[in-house]
Amino acid sequence: MRLTEKQKAVLLALTNGWQTPAQIAEKVAANAGVGVSYRASYVNQPLNALMREGLVEKKPDTRGQYRLTPGGAAIKDKVAHETQR
C-alpha cells in the first residue's frame, strides 16, 4: 500500500484514542515544525482515504471522531520507523 505524504502525516498524528479533525490537524502541524498551522479541512481527504484502506475508523455514534484500527497502528509503526532513518 502506497501512502501520500499527507496521508503519512495524518497517520502519524492519529492515536488509538478518539480525536476530532481539528485535534489531528493540530498534531500534524506540530509534527511539521514551528510556525506551521493547518485547518481541520486539511485532514479530511487523507482521513477518508485511510478509512477506505481500513487503517482508520470513525466513531459510529458521534460525528467527527476518528482513531487508528489495529492494522492502522501496525502501519503507523512501520511508517514511523521508515521516517526515522
C-alpha atoms as a PDB file:
ATOM      1  CA  MET A   1       0.000   0.000   0.000  1.00  0.00           C
ATOM      2  CA  ARG A   2       1.381   3.372  -1.013  1.00  0.00           C
ATOM      3  CA  LEU A   3       0.570   6.380   1.134  1.00  0.00           C
ATOM      4  CA  THR A   4       0.934  10.003   0.084  1.00  0.00           C
ATOM      5  CA  GLU A   5       2.984  12.344   2.266  1.00  0.00           C
ATOM      6  CA  LYS A   6      -0.223  13.937   3.510  1.00  0.00           C
ATOM      7  CA  GLN A   7      -1.684  10.520   4.428  1.00  0.00           C
ATOM      8  CA  LYS A   8       1.538   9.612   6.239  1.00  0.00           C
ATOM      9  CA  ALA A   9       1.443  12.883   8.193  1.00  0.00           C
ATOM     10  CA  VAL A  10      -2.176  12.252   9.252  1.00  0.00           C
ATOM     11  CA  LEU A  11      -1.450   8.609  10.087  1.00  0.00           C
ATOM     12  CA  LEU A  12       1.461   9.637  12.325  1.00  0.00           C
ATOM     13  CA  ALA A  13      -0.778  12.164  14.112  1.00  0.00           C
ATOM     14  CA  LEU A  14      -3.503   9.622  14.884  1.00  0.00           C
ATOM     15  CA  THR A  15      -3.679   7.567  18.086  1.00  0.00           C
ATOM     16  CA  ASN A  16      -5.779   4.724  19.453  1.00  0.00           C
ATOM     17  CA  GLY A  17      -7.962   7.308  21.231  1.00  0.00           C
ATOM     18  CA  TRP A  18     -10.798   9.170  19.538  1.00  0.00           C
ATOM     19  CA  GLN A  19      -9.755  12.521  18.020  1.00  0.00           C
ATOM     20  CA  THR A  20     -11.513  15.255  16.064  1.00  0.00           C
ATOM     21  CA  PRO A  21     -10.126  16.513  12.737  1.00  0.00           C
ATOM     22  CA  ALA A  22      -9.128  19.763  14.499  1.00  0.00           C
ATOM     23  CA  GLN A  23      -7.055  17.818  17.045  1.00  0.00           C
ATOM     24  CA  ILE A  24      -5.460  15.751  14.284  1.00  0.00           C
ATOM     25  CA  ALA A  25      -4.650  18.896  12.268  1.00  0.00           C
ATOM     26  CA  GLU A  26      -3.001  20.452  15.346  1.00  0.00           C
ATOM     27  CA  LYS A  27      -0.824  17.380  15.756  1.00  0.00           C
ATOM     28  CA  VAL A  28       0.091  17.321  12.055  1.00  0.00           C
ATOM     29  CA  ALA A  29       1.134  20.965  12.318  1.00  0.00           C
ATOM     30  CA  ALA A  30       3.152  20.314  15.492  1.00  0.00           C
ATOM     31  CA  ASN A  31       4.943  17.418  13.790  1.00  0.00           C
ATOM     32  CA  ALA A  32       5.670  19.614  10.745  1.00  0.00           C
ATOM     33  CA  GLY A  33       7.538  22.231  12.734  1.00  0.00           C
ATOM     34  CA  VAL A  34       7.424  25.716  14.161  1.00  0.00           C
ATOM     35  CA  GLY A  35       5.141  28.266  12.516  1.00  0.00           C
ATOM     36  CA  VAL A  36       3.028  25.734  10.611  1.00  0.00           C
ATOM     37  CA  SER A  37      -0.726  25.548  11.096  1.00  0.00           C
ATOM     38  CA  TYR A  38      -3.480  23.603   9.364  1.00  0.00           C
ATOM     39  CA  ARG A  39      -7.258  23.738   9.486  1.00  0.00           C
ATOM     40  CA  ALA A  40      -9.352  20.667  10.194  1.00  0.00           C
ATOM     41  CA  SER A  41     -10.304  20.534   6.489  1.00  0.00           C
ATOM     42  CA  TYR A  42      -6.643  19.756   5.696  1.00  0.00           C
ATOM     43  CA  VAL A  43      -7.014  16.254   7.159  1.00  0.00           C
ATOM     44  CA  ASN A  44     -10.446  15.322   5.747  1.00  0.00           C
ATOM     45  CA  GLN A  45      -9.292  13.857   2.437  1.00  0.00           C
ATOM     46  CA  PRO A  46      -6.408  11.842   3.946  1.00  0.00           C
ATOM     47  CA  LEU A  47      -8.738  10.579   6.703  1.00  0.00           C
ATOM     48  CA  ASN A  48     -11.265   9.346   4.130  1.00  0.00           C
ATOM     49  CA  ALA A  49      -8.529   7.600   2.145  1.00  0.00           C
ATOM     50  CA  LEU A  50      -7.159   5.959   5.310  1.00  0.00           C
ATOM     51  CA  MET A  51     -10.679   4.819   6.249  1.00  0.00           C
ATOM     52  CA  ARG A  52     -11.108   3.213   2.808  1.00  0.00           C
ATOM     53  CA  GLU A  53      -7.851   1.315   3.415  1.00  0.00           C
ATOM     54  CA  GLY A  54      -9.117   0.126   6.816  1.00  0.00           C
ATOM     55  CA  LEU A  55      -6.408   1.957   8.766  1.00  0.00           C
ATOM     56  CA  VAL A  56      -8.742   4.430  10.487  1.00  0.00           C
ATOM     57  CA  GLU A  57     -12.237   4.075  11.884  1.00  0.00           C
ATOM     58  CA  LYS A  58     -14.920   6.670  12.502  1.00  0.00           C
ATOM     59  CA  LYS A  59     -16.818   6.633  15.795  1.00  0.00           C
ATOM     60  CA  PRO A  60     -20.289   5.332  14.888  1.00  0.00           C
ATOM     61  CA  ASP A  61     -22.336   7.189  17.492  1.00  0.00           C
ATOM     62  CA  THR A  62     -20.544  10.563  17.380  1.00  0.00           C
ATOM     63  CA  ARG A  63     -19.835  12.817  14.428  1.00  0.00           C
ATOM     64  CA  GLY A  64     -16.271  13.636  13.517  1.00  0.00           C
ATOM     65  CA  GLN A  65     -14.196  11.396  15.776  1.00  0.00           C
ATOM     66  CA  TYR A  66     -11.514   9.103  14.394  1.00  0.00           C
ATOM     67  CA  ARG A  67      -8.900   6.645  15.649  1.00  0.00           C
ATOM     68  CA  LEU A  68      -6.470   4.060  14.368  1.00  0.00           C
ATOM     69  CA  THR A  69      -7.552   0.486  13.818  1.00  0.00           C
ATOM     70  CA  PRO A  70      -5.169  -2.266  14.974  1.00  0.00           C
ATOM     71  CA  GLY A  71      -3.980  -2.587  11.364  1.00  0.00           C
ATOM     72  CA  GLY A  72      -3.537   1.167  11.185  1.00  0.00           C
ATOM     73  CA  ALA A  73      -1.415   1.118  14.334  1.00  0.00           C
ATOM     74  CA  ALA A  74       0.869  -1.502  12.761  1.00  0.00           C
ATOM     75  CA  ILE A  75       1.255   0.567   9.572  1.00  0.00           C
ATOM     76  CA  LYS A  76       1.861   3.700  11.681  1.00  0.00           C
ATOM     77  CA  ASP A  77       4.725   1.920  13.480  1.00  0.00           C
ATOM     78  CA  LYS A  78       6.200   0.889  10.125  1.00  0.00           C
ATOM     79  CA  VAL A  79       5.896   4.437   8.683  1.00  0.00           C
ATOM     80  CA  ALA A  80       7.363   5.959  11.866  1.00  0.00           C
ATOM     81  CA  HIS A  81      10.317   3.563  11.641  1.00  0.00           C
ATOM     82  CA  GLU A  82      10.890   4.458   7.970  1.00  0.00           C
ATOM     83  CA  THR A  83      10.797   8.205   8.626  1.00  0.00           C
ATOM     84  CA  GLN A  84      13.381   7.918  11.428  1.00  0.00           C
ATOM     85  CA  ARG A  85      16.005   6.587   9.022  1.00  0.00           C
END
